[in-house]
């Protein structure tokens, strides 16, 4: 039995080593100097091999008595040596591939970095006039480039907003409006367009593959490299170590601070010099509400840097319902709203998350500057949507008011006017044509967005774009035209008690405190007609783009549903409050 167990252990060691070589070598492109590449592969191989040997030894001891004597024959004894030789050859080939550049491209194409900070509202950044100094690094970036005063989201939630960002279409045109929808093959994304133009493309997202910026929803299309949460640290590219990292992040660090590993991974990838221009998409989830005890949380020292008192003494739960789930039940009318003190706690914790991500963005920008890349590249920082703190009786991000739909947008490029504050309404769908023009890539096919490059290079240029936006249920639609906004509710849920229609002129009522739909009937009628026209145009465009192709939906299994529920994205109309479950 011992001989059999040893033989199986040898097989396990070599198989584990083979897997380690393959995993480590495949990730060499994300590592900088060759010494780091060799060290990373060596440690990964060692860990995988030891784990494989241990598992195989246990299995060998358990099954040894049941195995016939012939099973310890020549093939079993000599097999590991043969496989070890094959491992060395294949590993060397993988290493050569991983260590090499993927090709060359004309140098007149700038590197592009697109950063999306999930759930970041514009008016909580210092650069947009916020009283707390939450974003010194983003403020500095804004002084070096152009800050768009009135950037507007196409949606109140992550999935359709990011699809608009990467396709140049509003949600009615791209058709990704529900949690079962995904980016379809007929969508021609920004990453696909840039890769076709010779760019190396990579993405890091702060969600698992089932998250609303994950590969299950098609966001990996067009990317050579696509990393999900948690992001592999140096010496930890192997599967077992990544599983440990995820376990430790949730149970050891409370599920906060993922941006640190994310940025380090991006830095390692950038450090691997290549002649190709690159497009890097980085999505941070650290500002978003959390699934544990506190509604928002960042690692120390950012966690409570804007809070007065001891955060650990805050009574953040209500009858065992905490964090996002509690806020969601408040939004549904199942629990009483937060009082003024609780709202302030939520705000200060949220602001701590912004300060943390701002610091990590700054760390990335510092590396780009040290490597003399920053001056010649395009850097864009934006968000998918904002967050509410009961400005309109709701938490989280479900309504189409300014605290949700107004998002930050900062663009720094070689020819941008430093320090300009661009006026006028711009949209997420404007990002695709803007990036393509800055990259010198022609826009092929129908899109709805318009390039913002004229606003970057002309002091006097402004935008007059109209925005069509949808809420998370598809029941409400927003049309923004200049300073005038119309929110039309297609369905009115029970428990909400909101009016069927809201009209505001932001020039007179920037906080949207006075619904004037009954007093401004002419303006409301005009916007209603425009909204209908826009929706029909978008629907017709969607049908043309689809061209009769069948849609592929995402399967919402139990794992996906549990994850989305923890983040406040899964609530059924007939679901009961927590105390009744």
Protein backbone atom coordinates (compact mmCIF):
# COMPACT_ATOMS: atom_id res chain seq x y z
CA UNK A 1 0.00 0.00 0.00
CA UNK A 2 2.86 2.38 0.78
CA UNK A 3 4.42 1.86 -2.64
CA UNK A 4 1.12 2.54 -4.33
CA UNK A 5 0.60 5.70 -2.26
CA UNK A 6 4.12 6.92 -3.09
CA UNK A 7 3.57 6.25 -6.78
CA UNK A 8 0.31 8.17 -6.76
CA UNK A 9 1.97 10.98 -4.82
CA UNK A 10 4.65 11.20 -7.52
CA UNK A 11 1.99 11.44 -10.18
CA UNK A 12 0.19 14.12 -8.18
CA UNK A 13 3.38 16.10 -7.71
CA UNK A 14 4.19 16.15 -11.40
CA UNK A 15 0.59 16.83 -12.48
CA UNK A 16 0.43 19.65 -9.92
CA UNK A 17 3.71 20.99 -11.24
CA UNK A 18 2.40 20.83 -14.80
CA UNK A 19 -0.70 22.83 -13.82
CA UNK A 20 1.47 25.29 -11.92
CA UNK A 21 3.75 25.84 -14.91
CA UNK A 22 0.80 26.38 -17.22
CA UNK A 23 -0.96 28.82 -14.86
CA UNK A 24 2.17 30.74 -13.95
CA UNK A 25 3.55 30.96 -17.49
CA UNK A 26 0.18 32.10 -18.83
CA UNK A 27 0.25 35.02 -16.38
CA UNK A 28 3.84 36.07 -17.09
CA UNK A 29 2.65 38.89 -19.31
CA UNK A 30 1.22 40.59 -16.21
CA UNK A 31 4.63 40.55 -14.49
CA UNK A 32 7.39 43.07 -15.07
CA UNK A 33 11.12 42.18 -15.11
CA UNK A 34 12.23 38.69 -16.12
CA UNK A 35 13.44 37.98 -12.56
CA UNK A 36 9.92 38.56 -11.27
CA UNK A 37 8.54 36.33 -14.01
CA UNK A 38 10.81 33.41 -13.10
CA UNK A 39 10.20 33.88 -9.39
CA UNK A 40 6.44 34.01 -9.86
CA UNK A 41 6.41 30.84 -11.94
CA UNK A 42 8.72 29.03 -9.51
CA UNK A 43 6.68 29.77 -6.40
CA UNK A 44 3.40 28.95 -8.16
CA UNK A 45 4.75 25.64 -9.41
CA UNK A 46 6.05 24.73 -5.96
CA UNK A 47 2.76 25.45 -4.24
CA UNK A 48 0.68 23.59 -6.83
CA UNK A 49 3.07 20.64 -6.83
CA UNK A 50 3.09 20.30 -3.03
CA UNK A 51 -0.69 20.54 -2.91
CA UNK A 52 -1.05 17.98 -5.70
CA UNK A 53 1.38 15.59 -4.02
CA UNK A 54 -0.42 15.87 -0.70
CA UNK A 55 -3.84 15.22 -2.21
CA UNK A 56 -2.53 12.29 -4.27
CA UNK A 57 -0.83 10.74 -1.23
CA UNK A 58 -4.08 10.82 0.72
CA UNK A 59 -6.00 9.30 -2.20
CA UNK A 60 -3.32 6.66 -2.63
CA UNK A 61 -3.51 5.64 1.02
CA UNK A 62 -7.30 5.36 0.85
CA UNK A 63 -7.43 3.40 -2.40
CA UNK A 64 -4.24 1.39 -2.01
CA UNK A 65 -5.84 -1.76 -0.61
CA UNK A 66 -8.43 -1.86 -3.38
CA UNK A 67 -5.91 -1.59 -6.21
CA UNK A 68 -4.66 -4.76 -7.89
CA UNK A 69 -0.92 -5.43 -7.57
CA UNK A 70 -0.38 -4.78 -11.29
CA UNK A 71 -1.34 -1.17 -10.75
CA UNK A 72 2.09 -0.43 -9.35
CA UNK A 73 3.76 -1.64 -12.54
CA UNK A 74 6.22 -0.06 -14.86
CA UNK A 75 3.86 2.58 -16.29
CA UNK A 76 2.88 3.89 -12.87
CA UNK A 77 6.50 3.99 -11.69
CA UNK A 78 8.01 5.55 -14.81
CA UNK A 79 5.09 7.73 -15.77
CA UNK A 80 5.99 10.65 -13.46
CA UNK A 81 9.48 10.91 -14.95
CA UNK A 82 8.12 11.05 -18.49
CA UNK A 83 5.46 13.61 -17.51
CA UNK A 84 8.08 15.67 -15.68
CA UNK A 85 10.11 15.90 -18.86
CA UNK A 86 7.02 16.90 -20.83
CA UNK A 87 6.21 19.49 -18.17
CA UNK A 88 9.64 21.06 -18.51
CA UNK A 89 9.37 21.29 -22.29
CA UNK A 90 5.81 22.68 -22.32
CA UNK A 91 6.55 25.02 -19.43
CA UNK A 92 9.54 26.45 -21.27
CA UNK A 93 7.35 27.03 -24.34
CA UNK A 94 4.68 28.72 -22.22
CA UNK A 95 7.31 30.91 -20.58
CA UNK A 96 8.69 31.99 -23.92
CA UNK A 97 5.22 32.91 -25.13
CA UNK A 98 4.34 34.73 -21.93
CA UNK A 99 7.58 36.66 -21.81
CA UNK A 100 7.34 37.89 -25.38
CA UNK A 101 5.51 40.90 -26.71
CA UNK A 102 2.35 40.24 -28.69
CA UNK A 103 3.39 42.33 -31.66
CA UNK A 104 3.94 45.89 -32.71
CA UNK A 105 1.74 48.73 -33.79
CA UNK A 106 2.32 52.29 -35.01
CA UNK A 107 3.46 54.45 -32.10
CA UNK A 108 1.04 57.28 -32.87
CA UNK A 109 -1.75 55.43 -31.03
CA UNK A 110 -1.80 56.55 -27.38
CA UNK A 111 -2.17 54.21 -24.43
CA UNK A 112 -5.67 54.42 -22.96
CA UNK A 113 -6.75 53.91 -19.35
CA UNK A 114 -10.49 53.87 -18.62
CA UNK A 115 -11.41 53.77 -14.92
CA UNK A 116 -14.98 53.18 -13.73
CA UNK A 117 -15.63 53.68 -10.01
CA UNK A 118 -18.89 51.90 -9.35
CA UNK A 119 -21.61 53.85 -7.46
CA UNK A 120 -19.64 57.11 -7.32
CA UNK A 121 -21.81 60.22 -7.33
CA UNK A 122 -20.24 63.36 -8.71
CA UNK A 123 -21.11 65.76 -5.92
CA UNK A 124 -19.15 63.73 -3.34
CA UNK A 125 -15.86 64.56 -5.07
CA UNK A 126 -13.91 67.63 -3.98
CA UNK A 127 -13.42 68.58 -7.62
CA UNK A 128 -17.21 68.90 -7.96
CA UNK A 129 -17.46 71.16 -4.91
CA UNK A 130 -17.91 68.68 -2.06
CA UNK A 131 -16.99 70.01 1.38
CA UNK A 132 -14.91 67.01 2.42
CA UNK A 133 -11.55 66.41 0.76
CA UNK A 134 -12.45 62.94 -0.49
CA UNK A 135 -10.52 62.94 -3.77
CA UNK A 136 -7.21 64.85 -3.84
CA UNK A 137 -5.76 62.67 -6.60
CA UNK A 138 -8.82 62.91 -8.84
CA UNK A 139 -8.91 66.66 -8.18
CA UNK A 140 -5.32 66.89 -9.41
CA UNK A 141 -6.19 64.83 -12.48
CA UNK A 142 -9.07 67.22 -13.21
CA UNK A 143 -6.66 70.16 -13.06
CA UNK A 144 -4.49 68.42 -15.65
CA UNK A 145 -7.40 67.68 -17.98
CA UNK A 146 -11.08 68.43 -18.53
CA UNK A 147 -13.82 67.98 -15.93
CA UNK A 148 -17.32 67.55 -17.36
CA UNK A 149 -19.72 69.39 -15.09
CA UNK A 150 -22.90 67.65 -16.22
CA UNK A 151 -22.10 64.06 -17.20
CA UNK A 152 -25.22 61.90 -17.04
CA UNK A 153 -25.74 58.17 -16.72
CA UNK A 154 -28.03 56.10 -18.94
CA UNK A 155 -29.19 53.96 -16.02
CA UNK A 156 -29.51 53.62 -12.27
CA UNK A 157 -27.62 50.33 -12.17
CA UNK A 158 -24.35 48.79 -13.21
CA UNK A 159 -25.14 46.47 -16.12
CA UNK A 160 -26.91 48.71 -18.66
CA UNK A 161 -24.78 51.72 -17.71
CA UNK A 162 -21.53 49.92 -18.49
CA UNK A 163 -22.94 48.43 -21.68
CA UNK A 164 -23.78 51.99 -22.81
CA UNK A 165 -20.27 53.07 -21.88
CA UNK A 166 -18.66 50.36 -24.00
CA UNK A 167 -21.05 50.29 -26.98
CA UNK A 168 -21.97 53.95 -27.55
CA UNK A 169 -25.69 53.10 -27.28
CA UNK A 170 -28.43 53.95 -24.81
CA UNK A 171 -30.17 51.01 -23.04
CA UNK A 172 -33.18 51.02 -25.36
CA UNK A 173 -30.80 50.54 -28.30
CA UNK A 174 -28.46 47.93 -26.83
CA UNK A 175 -31.35 46.12 -25.16
CA UNK A 176 -29.51 45.08 -21.98
CA UNK A 177 -32.18 46.09 -19.49
CA UNK A 178 -32.67 43.13 -17.15
CA UNK A 179 -30.41 40.94 -15.04
CA UNK A 180 -30.90 38.04 -17.45
CA UNK A 181 -29.62 40.10 -20.40
CA UNK A 182 -26.03 40.21 -21.60
CA UNK A 183 -23.92 41.84 -24.31
CA UNK A 184 -24.84 40.09 -27.54
CA UNK A 185 -22.51 39.04 -30.36
CA UNK A 186 -23.87 41.76 -32.63
CA UNK A 187 -22.66 44.44 -30.21
CA UNK A 188 -19.30 45.85 -31.30
CA UNK A 189 -17.66 46.89 -28.04
CA UNK A 190 -14.91 49.41 -27.43
CA UNK A 191 -12.44 46.66 -26.53
CA UNK A 192 -13.20 44.73 -29.72
CA UNK A 193 -12.76 47.84 -31.85
CA UNK A 194 -9.43 48.76 -30.23
CA UNK A 195 -8.07 45.21 -30.41
CA UNK A 196 -8.91 45.12 -34.12
CA UNK A 197 -6.90 48.35 -34.44
CA UNK A 198 -3.84 46.70 -32.89
CA UNK A 199 -4.25 47.50 -29.20
CA UNK A 200 -3.34 45.12 -26.41
CA UNK A 201 -6.49 44.99 -24.27
CA UNK A 202 -6.83 44.08 -20.60
CA UNK A 203 -9.49 44.54 -17.93
CA UNK A 204 -9.73 44.21 -14.17
CA UNK A 205 -13.19 44.23 -12.62
CA UNK A 206 -14.18 44.31 -8.97
CA UNK A 207 -16.78 41.56 -9.29
CA UNK A 208 -16.86 37.81 -9.77
CA UNK A 209 -17.70 36.40 -13.19
CA UNK A 210 -21.42 36.62 -12.36
CA UNK A 211 -21.21 40.29 -11.41
CA UNK A 212 -22.73 42.92 -13.65
CA UNK A 213 -19.35 43.70 -15.24
CA UNK A 214 -18.31 40.05 -15.36
CA UNK A 215 -17.57 37.60 -18.14
CA UNK A 216 -20.95 35.87 -17.83
CA UNK A 217 -22.47 39.10 -19.10
CA UNK A 218 -20.10 39.26 -22.06
CA UNK A 219 -17.78 42.00 -20.83
CA UNK A 220 -14.69 39.90 -21.56
CA UNK A 221 -15.33 40.11 -25.32
CA UNK A 222 -12.46 41.93 -27.00
CA UNK A 223 -10.08 41.68 -24.03
CA UNK A 224 -6.86 39.68 -24.26
CA UNK A 225 -6.76 39.53 -20.48
CA UNK A 226 -9.80 39.78 -18.19
CA UNK A 227 -9.36 39.48 -14.41
CA UNK A 228 -12.19 39.11 -11.91
CA UNK A 229 -12.28 39.64 -8.17
CA UNK A 230 -10.08 38.70 -6.36
CA UNK A 231 -7.12 39.87 -8.41
CA UNK A 232 -4.03 37.66 -8.36
CA UNK A 233 -1.15 38.91 -6.28
CA UNK A 234 2.48 38.26 -7.11
CA UNK A 235 3.33 34.57 -6.49
CA UNK A 236 -0.41 33.81 -6.30
CA UNK A 237 -1.59 33.19 -9.82
CA UNK A 238 -2.37 29.53 -9.10
CA UNK A 239 -5.99 28.55 -8.56
CA UNK A 240 -5.53 27.31 -5.00
CA UNK A 241 -3.85 30.51 -3.90
CA UNK A 242 -6.49 32.65 -5.58
CA UNK A 243 -9.15 30.70 -3.70
CA UNK A 244 -7.25 31.40 -0.48
CA UNK A 245 -6.98 35.07 -1.37
CA UNK A 246 -10.74 35.27 -1.84
CA UNK A 247 -11.40 33.44 1.43
CA UNK A 248 -9.04 35.74 3.31
CA UNK A 249 -10.46 38.89 1.72
CA UNK A 250 -13.96 37.98 2.88
CA UNK A 251 -13.20 36.40 6.27
CA UNK A 252 -9.96 38.07 7.27
CA UNK A 253 -10.46 41.56 5.88
CA UNK A 254 -14.25 41.80 5.95
CA UNK A 255 -14.60 41.92 2.17
CA UNK A 256 -13.03 45.37 1.86
CA UNK A 257 -9.88 46.67 0.23
CA UNK A 258 -9.92 44.74 -3.04
CA UNK A 259 -8.69 47.82 -4.94
CA UNK A 260 -5.19 47.34 -3.49
CA UNK A 261 -4.63 43.98 -5.16
CA UNK A 262 -6.44 45.22 -8.26
CA UNK A 263 -4.15 48.20 -8.75
CA UNK A 264 -1.04 46.13 -8.00
CA UNK A 265 -2.11 43.68 -10.71
CA UNK A 266 -2.61 46.53 -13.19
CA UNK A 267 0.80 47.95 -12.31
CA UNK A 268 2.46 44.57 -12.87
CA UNK A 269 0.79 44.25 -16.26
CA UNK A 270 1.87 47.75 -17.31
CA UNK A 271 5.42 47.03 -16.12
CA UNK A 272 5.71 44.22 -18.67
CA UNK A 273 6.98 46.44 -21.46
CA UNK A 274 5.44 45.96 -24.91
CA UNK A 275 5.62 47.87 -28.15
CA UNK A 276 1.85 47.75 -28.67
CA UNK A 277 -0.35 50.55 -27.40
CA UNK A 278 -2.62 49.26 -24.67
CA UNK A 279 -6.22 49.77 -23.59
CA UNK A 280 -6.73 49.06 -19.89
CA UNK A 281 -10.21 49.04 -18.35
CA UNK A 282 -10.27 49.11 -14.55
CA UNK A 283 -13.52 48.80 -12.61
CA UNK A 284 -13.55 49.43 -8.84
CA UNK A 285 -16.34 48.14 -6.62
CA UNK A 286 -15.04 49.47 -3.30
CA UNK A 287 -17.40 52.47 -3.04
CA UNK A 288 -20.50 50.29 -3.56
CA UNK A 289 -22.61 49.29 -0.55
CA UNK A 290 -21.47 46.19 1.28
CA UNK A 291 -22.97 42.83 2.23
CA UNK A 292 -21.74 42.45 5.82
CA UNK A 293 -22.53 44.68 8.84
CA UNK A 294 -21.90 48.26 7.74
CA UNK A 295 -23.67 49.78 4.72
CA UNK A 296 -20.36 51.09 3.34
CA UNK A 297 -16.83 50.28 4.42
CA UNK A 298 -13.21 50.78 3.41
CA UNK A 299 -9.98 49.50 5.00
CA UNK A 300 -8.18 51.58 7.62
CA UNK A 301 -7.27 54.41 7.76
CA UNK A 302 -9.94 55.45 5.23
CA UNK A 303 -12.76 53.53 6.90
CA UNK A 304 -13.73 56.24 9.40
CA UNK A 305 -11.56 59.18 8.37
CA UNK A 306 -14.63 61.40 7.93
CA UNK A 307 -16.66 59.97 10.83
CA UNK A 308 -16.99 61.30 14.34
CA UNK A 309 -17.04 58.64 17.04
CA UNK A 310 -16.29 54.92 17.04
CA UNK A 311 -17.57 53.13 13.95
CA UNK A 312 -17.50 49.77 15.74
CA UNK A 313 -20.10 51.03 18.19
CA UNK A 314 -22.57 51.97 15.46
CA UNK A 315 -25.80 49.97 15.57
CA UNK A 316 -25.87 49.28 11.85
CA UNK A 317 -28.41 46.44 11.80
CA UNK A 318 -32.16 46.27 12.34
CA UNK A 319 -33.43 42.96 13.74
CA UNK A 320 -30.49 41.13 12.22
CA UNK A 321 -30.84 42.76 8.80
CA UNK A 322 -27.68 44.68 7.93
CA UNK A 323 -25.78 46.55 5.24
CA UNK A 324 -27.20 46.51 1.71
CA UNK A 325 -30.06 44.20 2.65
CA UNK A 326 -31.29 46.63 5.30
CA UNK A 327 -31.11 49.57 2.90
CA UNK A 328 -32.94 47.55 0.29
CA UNK A 329 -35.76 46.68 2.68
CA UNK A 330 -36.03 50.37 3.59
CA UNK A 331 -36.29 51.19 -0.11
CA UNK A 332 -39.07 48.64 -0.42
CA UNK A 333 -40.97 50.14 2.50
CA UNK A 334 -40.45 47.10 4.72
CA UNK A 335 -38.34 48.84 7.34
CA UNK A 336 -38.34 52.35 8.74
CA UNK A 337 -35.91 54.83 7.13
CA UNK A 338 -32.58 55.73 8.70
CA UNK A 339 -32.70 58.68 11.07
CA UNK A 340 -30.52 61.76 10.57
CA UNK A 341 -27.65 60.37 12.65
CA UNK A 342 -27.68 57.05 10.78
CA UNK A 343 -27.71 58.83 7.43
CA UNK A 344 -24.65 60.80 8.46
CA UNK A 345 -22.90 57.57 9.44
CA UNK A 346 -23.71 56.13 6.03
CA UNK A 347 -22.39 59.26 4.31
CA UNK A 348 -19.10 59.36 6.19
CA UNK A 349 -18.48 55.66 5.57
CA UNK A 350 -19.29 56.10 1.88
CA UNK A 351 -16.88 59.04 1.69
CA UNK A 352 -14.17 56.88 3.27
CA UNK A 353 -14.59 54.42 0.42
CA UNK A 354 -14.12 57.24 -2.09
CA UNK A 355 -10.92 58.37 -0.35
CA UNK A 356 -9.58 54.81 -0.43
CA UNK A 357 -10.19 54.35 -4.16
CA UNK A 358 -8.83 57.84 -4.82
CA UNK A 359 -5.60 56.82 -3.10
CA UNK A 360 -5.34 53.64 -5.16
CA UNK A 361 -6.01 55.52 -8.40
CA UNK A 362 -3.25 57.90 -7.36
CA UNK A 363 -0.88 54.99 -6.80
CA UNK A 364 -1.55 53.80 -10.35
CA UNK A 365 -1.09 57.29 -11.79
CA UNK A 366 2.23 57.64 -9.94
CA UNK A 367 3.55 54.48 -11.59
CA UNK A 368 2.44 55.71 -15.00
CA UNK A 369 4.24 58.98 -14.38
CA UNK A 370 7.39 57.25 -13.11
CA UNK A 371 7.46 55.15 -16.27
CA UNK A 372 7.03 58.32 -18.38
CA UNK A 373 3.76 57.09 -19.85
CA UNK A 374 1.27 59.52 -18.35
CA UNK A 375 1.97 62.61 -20.47
CA UNK A 376 1.28 60.80 -23.74
CA UNK A 377 -1.69 58.68 -22.76
CA UNK A 378 -5.45 59.11 -22.36
CA UNK A 379 -6.84 58.73 -18.84
CA UNK A 380 -10.59 58.69 -18.25
CA UNK A 381 -12.27 58.43 -14.86
CA UNK A 382 -16.02 58.05 -14.56
CA UNK A 383 -18.79 56.05 -12.89
CA UNK A 384 -21.83 54.01 -13.82
CA UNK A 385 -24.25 55.78 -11.45
CA UNK A 386 -24.40 57.57 -8.13
CA UNK A 387 -25.92 56.78 -4.74
CA UNK A 388 -28.80 58.25 -2.75
CA UNK A 389 -28.91 59.20 0.91
CA UNK A 390 -32.65 59.78 1.19
CA UNK A 391 -32.69 62.99 -0.85
CA UNK A 392 -35.89 61.63 -2.39
CA UNK A 393 -36.87 59.26 0.42
CA UNK A 394 -34.77 56.41 -0.96
CA UNK A 395 -31.34 54.89 -0.25
CA UNK A 396 -29.10 53.05 -2.74
CA UNK A 397 -29.68 53.75 -6.47
CA UNK A 398 -33.17 53.11 -7.72
CA UNK A 399 -34.59 56.51 -8.72
CA UNK A 400 -33.71 58.67 -11.72
CA UNK A 401 -32.91 61.81 -9.74
CA UNK A 402 -29.67 63.79 -9.92
CA UNK A 403 -27.97 62.05 -6.99
CA UNK A 404 -28.12 58.87 -9.08
CA UNK A 405 -27.86 59.99 -12.70
CA UNK A 406 -25.21 62.71 -12.34
CA UNK A 407 -21.80 61.05 -12.56
CA UNK A 408 -18.21 62.28 -12.58
CA UNK A 409 -16.28 62.40 -15.85
CA UNK A 410 -12.66 63.52 -16.06
CA UNK A 411 -10.57 63.15 -19.21
CA UNK A 412 -6.85 63.82 -19.41
CA UNK A 413 -5.26 63.55 -22.84
CA UNK A 414 -2.18 65.05 -24.51
CA UNK A 415 -4.18 67.74 -26.36
CA UNK A 416 -6.82 68.43 -23.70
CA UNK A 417 -7.03 71.91 -22.19
CA UNK A 418 -5.72 71.61 -18.66
CA UNK A 419 -8.15 72.83 -16.03
CA UNK A 420 -11.19 73.28 -18.27
CA UNK A 421 -14.64 72.67 -16.80
CA UNK A 422 -16.79 71.65 -19.74
CA UNK A 423 -20.42 72.75 -19.59
CA UNK A 424 -23.45 71.12 -21.12
CA UNK A 425 -24.92 67.62 -20.89
CA UNK A 426 -22.76 64.66 -21.92
CA UNK A 427 -23.56 60.95 -21.71
CA UNK A 428 -21.93 57.59 -21.07
CA UNK A 429 -22.57 56.63 -24.68
CA UNK A 430 -20.26 59.49 -25.72
CA UNK A 431 -17.25 57.64 -24.33
CA UNK A 432 -16.85 55.12 -27.16
CA UNK A 433 -16.61 57.65 -30.01
CA UNK A 434 -14.42 59.88 -27.83
CA UNK A 435 -11.91 57.13 -27.10
CA UNK A 436 -11.86 55.97 -30.71
CA UNK A 437 -11.17 59.47 -32.01
CA UNK A 438 -8.40 59.99 -29.46
CA UNK A 439 -6.95 56.62 -30.52
CA UNK A 440 -7.14 57.50 -34.19
CA UNK A 441 -9.59 54.68 -34.90
CA UNK A 442 -12.52 55.16 -37.26
CA UNK A 443 -16.02 54.59 -35.91
CA UNK A 444 -17.63 51.84 -37.99
CA UNK A 445 -21.33 51.07 -37.68
CA UNK A 446 -24.23 52.89 -36.04
CA UNK A 447 -23.84 54.40 -32.59
CA UNK A 448 -25.68 57.12 -30.69
CA UNK A 449 -22.86 58.76 -28.76
CA UNK A 450 -20.95 61.80 -30.00
CA UNK A 451 -17.24 62.42 -29.61
CA UNK A 452 -16.26 64.81 -26.82
CA UNK A 453 -12.89 65.64 -28.39
CA UNK A 454 -14.06 69.13 -29.50
CA UNK A 455 -14.89 69.89 -25.85
CA UNK A 456 -11.42 68.72 -24.82
CA UNK A 457 -9.60 71.00 -27.24
CA UNK A 458 -11.77 74.13 -27.51
CA UNK A 459 -12.29 76.43 -24.51
CA UNK A 460 -15.65 77.61 -25.77
CA UNK A 461 -17.15 74.28 -26.89
CA UNK A 462 -20.02 72.81 -24.89
CA UNK A 463 -22.55 70.03 -25.34
CA UNK A 464 -26.32 69.98 -25.79
CA UNK A 465 -26.86 66.22 -25.85
CA UNK A 466 -30.17 64.69 -24.80
CA UNK A 467 -30.08 61.70 -22.47
CA UNK A 468 -32.46 58.77 -22.32
CA UNK A 469 -32.09 56.82 -19.08
CA UNK A 470 -33.84 53.86 -17.44
CA UNK A 471 -34.21 52.73 -13.83
CA UNK A 472 -33.38 49.28 -12.48
CA UNK A 473 -36.87 47.88 -13.01
CA UNK A 474 -37.50 49.28 -16.47
CA UNK A 475 -40.59 50.92 -15.06
CA UNK A 476 -39.31 54.51 -15.21
CA UNK A 477 -37.72 56.48 -18.01
CA UNK A 478 -35.82 59.79 -17.88
CA UNK A 479 -35.36 62.29 -20.66
CA UNK A 480 -32.80 64.99 -19.95
CA UNK A 481 -32.77 67.93 -22.39
CA UNK A 482 -30.58 70.80 -21.31
CA UNK A 483 -31.56 71.72 -17.77
CA UNK A 484 -35.04 70.22 -18.13
CA UNK A 485 -35.74 66.69 -16.96
CA UNK A 486 -38.82 64.53 -17.26
CA UNK A 487 -39.25 61.27 -15.34
CA UNK A 488 -42.08 59.16 -16.68
CA UNK A 489 -43.20 56.20 -14.64
CA UNK A 490 -44.56 53.40 -16.80
CA UNK A 491 -45.67 51.38 -13.79
CA UNK A 492 -46.22 52.46 -10.21
CA UNK A 493 -45.28 49.83 -7.67
CA UNK A 494 -47.25 49.52 -4.49
CA UNK A 495 -45.40 50.69 -1.39
CA UNK A 496 -43.59 53.38 -3.36
CA UNK A 497 -46.30 56.00 -3.62
CA UNK A 498 -44.35 58.11 -6.11
CA UNK A 499 -46.05 60.33 -8.69
CA UNK A 500 -46.57 59.05 -12.20
CA UNK A 501 -44.60 61.91 -13.72
CA UNK A 502 -41.97 64.36 -12.46
CA UNK A 503 -40.69 67.49 -14.19
CA UNK A 504 -37.81 69.69 -13.03
CA UNK A 505 -35.80 72.58 -14.41
CA UNK A 506 -32.36 72.11 -12.87
CA UNK A 507 -31.44 75.73 -13.48
CA UNK A 508 -34.16 76.74 -11.01
CA UNK A 509 -34.32 73.64 -8.84
CA UNK A 510 -30.95 71.80 -8.88
CA UNK A 511 -31.90 69.52 -5.97
CA UNK A 512 -35.19 68.54 -7.64
CA UNK A 513 -37.24 69.40 -4.59
CA UNK A 514 -40.32 70.76 -6.40
CA UNK A 515 -42.12 68.63 -8.98
CA UNK A 516 -43.68 71.11 -11.46
CA UNK A 517 -45.29 68.65 -13.85
CA UNK A 518 -48.72 70.09 -13.07
CA UNK A 519 -47.62 73.71 -13.58
CA UNK A 520 -45.43 73.36 -16.67
CA UNK A 521 -47.82 71.44 -18.90
CA UNK A 522 -46.41 72.77 -22.18
CA UNK A 523 -42.83 71.86 -21.29
CA UNK A 524 -43.96 68.46 -20.02
CA UNK A 525 -45.86 67.80 -23.25
CA UNK A 526 -42.82 68.73 -25.35
CA UNK A 527 -40.52 66.44 -23.37
CA UNK A 528 -43.08 63.64 -23.47
CA UNK A 529 -43.14 63.81 -27.27
CA UNK A 530 -39.33 63.89 -27.42
CA UNK A 531 -39.13 60.91 -25.07
CA UNK A 532 -41.45 58.91 -27.32
CA UNK A 533 -39.40 59.81 -30.38
CA UNK A 534 -36.14 58.88 -28.70
CA UNK A 535 -37.46 55.53 -27.55
CA UNK A 536 -38.81 54.68 -31.00
CA UNK A 537 -35.49 55.66 -32.63
CA UNK A 538 -33.54 53.53 -30.16
CA UNK A 539 -35.87 50.58 -30.58
CA UNK A 540 -35.53 50.77 -34.37
CA UNK A 541 -31.73 50.94 -34.06
CA UNK A 542 -31.72 47.90 -31.76
CA UNK A 543 -33.69 45.91 -34.34
CA UNK A 544 -31.30 46.95 -37.13
CA UNK A 545 -28.24 46.01 -35.09
CA UNK A 546 -29.75 42.69 -34.08
CA UNK A 547 -30.62 41.82 -37.66
CA UNK A 548 -32.76 38.85 -36.68
CA UNK A 549 -30.11 37.21 -34.49
CA UNK A 550 -31.37 35.25 -31.51
CA UNK A 551 -30.52 36.71 -28.11
CA UNK A 552 -28.55 34.72 -25.54
CA UNK A 553 -29.50 35.28 -21.91
CA UNK A 554 -27.56 34.70 -18.68
CA UNK A 555 -28.65 31.77 -16.54
CA UNK A 556 -29.38 33.05 -13.04
CA UNK A 557 -28.44 30.03 -10.91
CA UNK A 558 -28.47 29.85 -7.11
CA UNK A 559 -24.89 31.14 -6.78
CA UNK A 560 -25.58 34.14 -8.99
CA UNK A 561 -28.88 34.92 -7.29
CA UNK A 562 -27.32 34.75 -3.82
CA UNK A 563 -24.53 37.11 -4.84
CA UNK A 564 -26.84 39.59 -6.52
CA UNK A 565 -29.24 39.48 -3.56
CA UNK A 566 -26.41 40.36 -1.17
CA UNK A 567 -25.68 43.42 -3.31
CA UNK A 568 -29.33 44.50 -3.40
CA UNK A 569 -30.07 43.59 -7.02
CA UNK A 570 -32.50 40.71 -6.55
CA UNK A 571 -35.92 41.42 -5.08
CA UNK A 572 -39.14 39.88 -6.29
CA UNK A 573 -42.37 41.83 -6.31
CA UNK A 574 -44.09 39.18 -4.17
CA UNK A 575 -41.18 38.71 -1.77
CA UNK A 576 -41.96 39.15 1.92
CA UNK A 577 -40.06 41.37 4.37
CA UNK A 578 -37.21 39.70 6.27
CA UNK A 579 -39.17 39.23 9.50
CA UNK A 580 -41.83 37.32 7.57
CA UNK A 581 -39.43 35.02 5.73
